[in-house]
Amino acid sequence: MKKRTYGMKLDSLIRGIDTTEKDLNFLCSLIESPDEEYNIPDAVEYAHAIVALSRQLNYMISEISENDLTEDEELVMLSKEQLVTLNALTNAVEDAVGRLRLCGISLKQN
């Protein structure tokens, strides 16, 4: 039986990598160059967000970006397992970033 594959727009992958990298860099900059406006009230929630973003970024770069493209090079082909993993990583980021937002740090505004 042939494994089913799914397509993800290459532009979406590139945008996802770029956004995740920017968000991760912003959070890391809060430790490297502290800003009074963005103090870190909960180090555990902050660490969860860093880890979630790092995992998602690593997966997109090391796993997904290595996949085959369609002939027109508009879609990256994903296995069902990759799609499920990417979805789980995305949900983990959304959860961690949501909890971080409750601590007063919003990536959407930054």
C-alpha atoms as a PDB file:
ATOM      1  CA  MET A   1       0.000   0.000   0.000  1.00  0.00           C
ATOM      2  CA  LYS A   2       1.313   3.435  -0.984  1.00  0.00           C
ATOM      3  CA  LYS A   3       1.823   5.930   1.820  1.00  0.00           C
ATOM      4  CA  ARG A   4      -0.287   9.015   1.529  1.00  0.00           C
ATOM      5  CA  THR A   5       1.556  12.311   1.228  1.00  0.00           C
ATOM      6  CA  TYR A   6       0.367  15.827   1.893  1.00  0.00           C
ATOM      7  CA  GLY A   7       1.477  19.120   0.433  1.00  0.00           C
ATOM      8  CA  MET A   8       2.405  22.292   2.246  1.00  0.00           C
ATOM      9  CA  LYS A   9       3.040  25.509   0.354  1.00  0.00           C
ATOM     10  CA  LEU A  10       6.764  26.176   0.244  1.00  0.00           C
ATOM     11  CA  ASP A  11       6.029  29.850   0.956  1.00  0.00           C
ATOM     12  CA  SER A  12       4.166  28.818   4.126  1.00  0.00           C
ATOM     13  CA  LEU A  13       7.129  26.757   5.304  1.00  0.00           C
ATOM     14  CA  ILE A  14       9.564  29.598   4.645  1.00  0.00           C
ATOM     15  CA  ARG A  15       7.275  32.104   6.378  1.00  0.00           C
ATOM     16  CA  GLY A  16       6.852  29.707   9.322  1.00  0.00           C
ATOM     17  CA  ILE A  17      10.604  29.282   9.681  1.00  0.00           C
ATOM     18  CA  ASP A  18      11.131  33.042   9.465  1.00  0.00           C
ATOM     19  CA  THR A  19       8.414  33.860  12.017  1.00  0.00           C
ATOM     20  CA  THR A  20       9.527  31.177  14.456  1.00  0.00           C
ATOM     21  CA  GLU A  21      13.134  32.314  14.174  1.00  0.00           C
ATOM     22  CA  LYS A  22      12.177  35.962  14.798  1.00  0.00           C
ATOM     23  CA  ASP A  23      10.054  35.025  17.821  1.00  0.00           C
ATOM     24  CA  LEU A  24      12.840  32.863  19.234  1.00  0.00           C
ATOM     25  CA  ASN A  25      15.436  35.580  18.641  1.00  0.00           C
ATOM     26  CA  PHE A  26      13.217  38.137  20.385  1.00  0.00           C
ATOM     27  CA  LEU A  27      12.790  35.930  23.450  1.00  0.00           C
ATOM     28  CA  CYS A  28      16.511  35.179  23.566  1.00  0.00           C
ATOM     29  CA  SER A  29      17.284  38.895  23.317  1.00  0.00           C
ATOM     30  CA  LEU A  30      15.346  39.465  26.557  1.00  0.00           C
ATOM     31  CA  ILE A  31      18.009  37.475  28.380  1.00  0.00           C
ATOM     32  CA  GLU A  32      20.988  38.705  26.360  1.00  0.00           C
ATOM     33  CA  SER A  33      19.986  42.378  26.605  1.00  0.00           C
ATOM     34  CA  PRO A  34      17.342  42.813  29.312  1.00  0.00           C
ATOM     35  CA  ASP A  35      14.774  45.547  28.756  1.00  0.00           C
ATOM     36  CA  GLU A  36      12.819  47.080  31.640  1.00  0.00           C
ATOM     37  CA  GLU A  37       9.678  47.070  29.468  1.00  0.00           C
ATOM     38  CA  TYR A  38       9.899  43.282  29.003  1.00  0.00           C
ATOM     39  CA  ASN A  39      10.834  41.800  32.334  1.00  0.00           C
ATOM     40  CA  ILE A  40      10.398  38.064  32.728  1.00  0.00           C
ATOM     41  CA  PRO A  41       7.939  37.475  35.567  1.00  0.00           C
ATOM     42  CA  ASP A  42       7.862  33.673  35.184  1.00  0.00           C
ATOM     43  CA  ALA A  43      11.080  31.991  34.136  1.00  0.00           C
ATOM     44  CA  VAL A  44       9.399  28.584  33.789  1.00  0.00           C
ATOM     45  CA  GLU A  45       6.833  29.853  31.272  1.00  0.00           C
ATOM     46  CA  TYR A  46       9.583  31.744  29.470  1.00  0.00           C
ATOM     47  CA  ALA A  47      11.682  28.570  29.254  1.00  0.00           C
ATOM     48  CA  HIS A  48       8.694  26.568  27.984  1.00  0.00           C
ATOM     49  CA  ALA A  49       8.218  29.092  25.174  1.00  0.00           C
ATOM     50  CA  ILE A  50      11.917  28.990  24.250  1.00  0.00           C
ATOM     51  CA  VAL A  51      11.917  25.182  24.149  1.00  0.00           C
ATOM     52  CA  ALA A  52       8.675  24.979  22.133  1.00  0.00           C
ATOM     53  CA  LEU A  53       9.880  27.503  19.556  1.00  0.00           C
ATOM     54  CA  SER A  54      13.294  25.801  19.346  1.00  0.00           C
ATOM     55  CA  ARG A  55      11.746  22.385  18.753  1.00  0.00           C
ATOM     56  CA  GLN A  56       9.402  23.704  16.092  1.00  0.00           C
ATOM     57  CA  LEU A  57      12.165  25.618  14.313  1.00  0.00           C
ATOM     58  CA  ASN A  58      14.522  22.646  14.434  1.00  0.00           C
ATOM     59  CA  TYR A  59      11.848  20.314  13.052  1.00  0.00           C
ATOM     60  CA  MET A  60      10.935  22.651  10.197  1.00  0.00           C
ATOM     61  CA  ILE A  61      14.576  23.173   9.238  1.00  0.00           C
ATOM     62  CA  SER A  62      16.029  19.702   9.780  1.00  0.00           C
ATOM     63  CA  GLU A  63      13.046  17.542   8.789  1.00  0.00           C
ATOM     64  CA  ILE A  64      10.499  19.343   6.639  1.00  0.00           C
ATOM     65  CA  SER A  65      12.853  21.489   4.552  1.00  0.00           C
ATOM     66  CA  GLU A  66      14.710  18.343   3.458  1.00  0.00           C
ATOM     67  CA  ASN A  67      11.552  16.880   1.862  1.00  0.00           C
ATOM     68  CA  ASP A  68      10.895  16.618  -1.857  1.00  0.00           C
ATOM     69  CA  LEU A  69       9.059  19.389  -3.649  1.00  0.00           C
ATOM     70  CA  THR A  70       6.353  19.005  -6.257  1.00  0.00           C
ATOM     71  CA  GLU A  71       7.424  19.431  -9.892  1.00  0.00           C
ATOM     72  CA  ASP A  72       6.301  23.063  -9.889  1.00  0.00           C
ATOM     73  CA  GLU A  73       8.300  23.582  -6.664  1.00  0.00           C
ATOM     74  CA  GLU A  74       5.318  25.205  -4.953  1.00  0.00           C
ATOM     75  CA  LEU A  75       4.624  22.460  -2.402  1.00  0.00           C
ATOM     76  CA  VAL A  76       6.764  20.556   0.076  1.00  0.00           C
ATOM     77  CA  MET A  77       5.629  16.951   0.388  1.00  0.00           C
ATOM     78  CA  LEU A  78       4.890  15.724   3.931  1.00  0.00           C
ATOM     79  CA  SER A  79       4.129  12.275   5.278  1.00  0.00           C
ATOM     80  CA  LYS A  80       1.157  11.862   7.595  1.00  0.00           C
ATOM     81  CA  GLU A  81       3.578  11.404  10.505  1.00  0.00           C
ATOM     82  CA  GLN A  82       5.351  14.665   9.669  1.00  0.00           C
ATOM     83  CA  LEU A  83       2.044  16.482   9.398  1.00  0.00           C
ATOM     84  CA  VAL A  84       0.945  15.149  12.791  1.00  0.00           C
ATOM     85  CA  THR A  85       4.303  16.041  14.372  1.00  0.00           C
ATOM     86  CA  LEU A  86       4.299  19.543  12.897  1.00  0.00           C
ATOM     87  CA  ASN A  87       0.745  20.073  14.112  1.00  0.00           C
ATOM     88  CA  ALA A  88       1.687  18.909  17.630  1.00  0.00           C
ATOM     89  CA  LEU A  89       4.723  21.208  17.670  1.00  0.00           C
ATOM     90  CA  THR A  90       2.599  24.132  16.466  1.00  0.00           C
ATOM     91  CA  ASN A  91       0.020  23.461  19.179  1.00  0.00           C
ATOM     92  CA  ALA A  92       2.800  23.324  21.794  1.00  0.00           C
ATOM     93  CA  VAL A  93       4.117  26.705  20.602  1.00  0.00           C
ATOM     94  CA  GLU A  94       0.650  28.263  20.664  1.00  0.00           C
ATOM     95  CA  ASP A  95       0.078  26.948  24.185  1.00  0.00           C
ATOM     96  CA  ALA A  96       3.483  28.105  25.473  1.00  0.00           C
ATOM     97  CA  VAL A  97       3.184  31.514  23.825  1.00  0.00           C
ATOM     98  CA  GLY A  98      -0.344  31.874  25.236  1.00  0.00           C
ATOM     99  CA  ARG A  99       0.909  31.164  28.741  1.00  0.00           C
ATOM    100  CA  LEU A 100       3.760  33.605  28.194  1.00  0.00           C
ATOM    101  CA  ARG A 101       1.224  36.224  27.096  1.00  0.00           C
ATOM    102  CA  LEU A 102      -0.517  35.789  30.449  1.00  0.00           C
ATOM    103  CA  CYS A 103       2.814  36.754  32.030  1.00  0.00           C
ATOM    104  CA  GLY A 104       2.828  40.004  30.050  1.00  0.00           C
ATOM    105  CA  ILE A 105       5.039  39.089  27.082  1.00  0.00           C
ATOM    106  CA  SER A 106       3.279  39.014  23.703  1.00  0.00           C
ATOM    107  CA  LEU A 107       5.103  37.952  20.566  1.00  0.00           C
ATOM    108  CA  LYS A 108       2.330  39.329  18.357  1.00  0.00           C
ATOM    109  CA  GLN A 109       3.036  42.867  19.529  1.00  0.00           C
ATOM    110  CA  ASN A 110       6.795  42.534  19.381  1.00  0.00           C
END
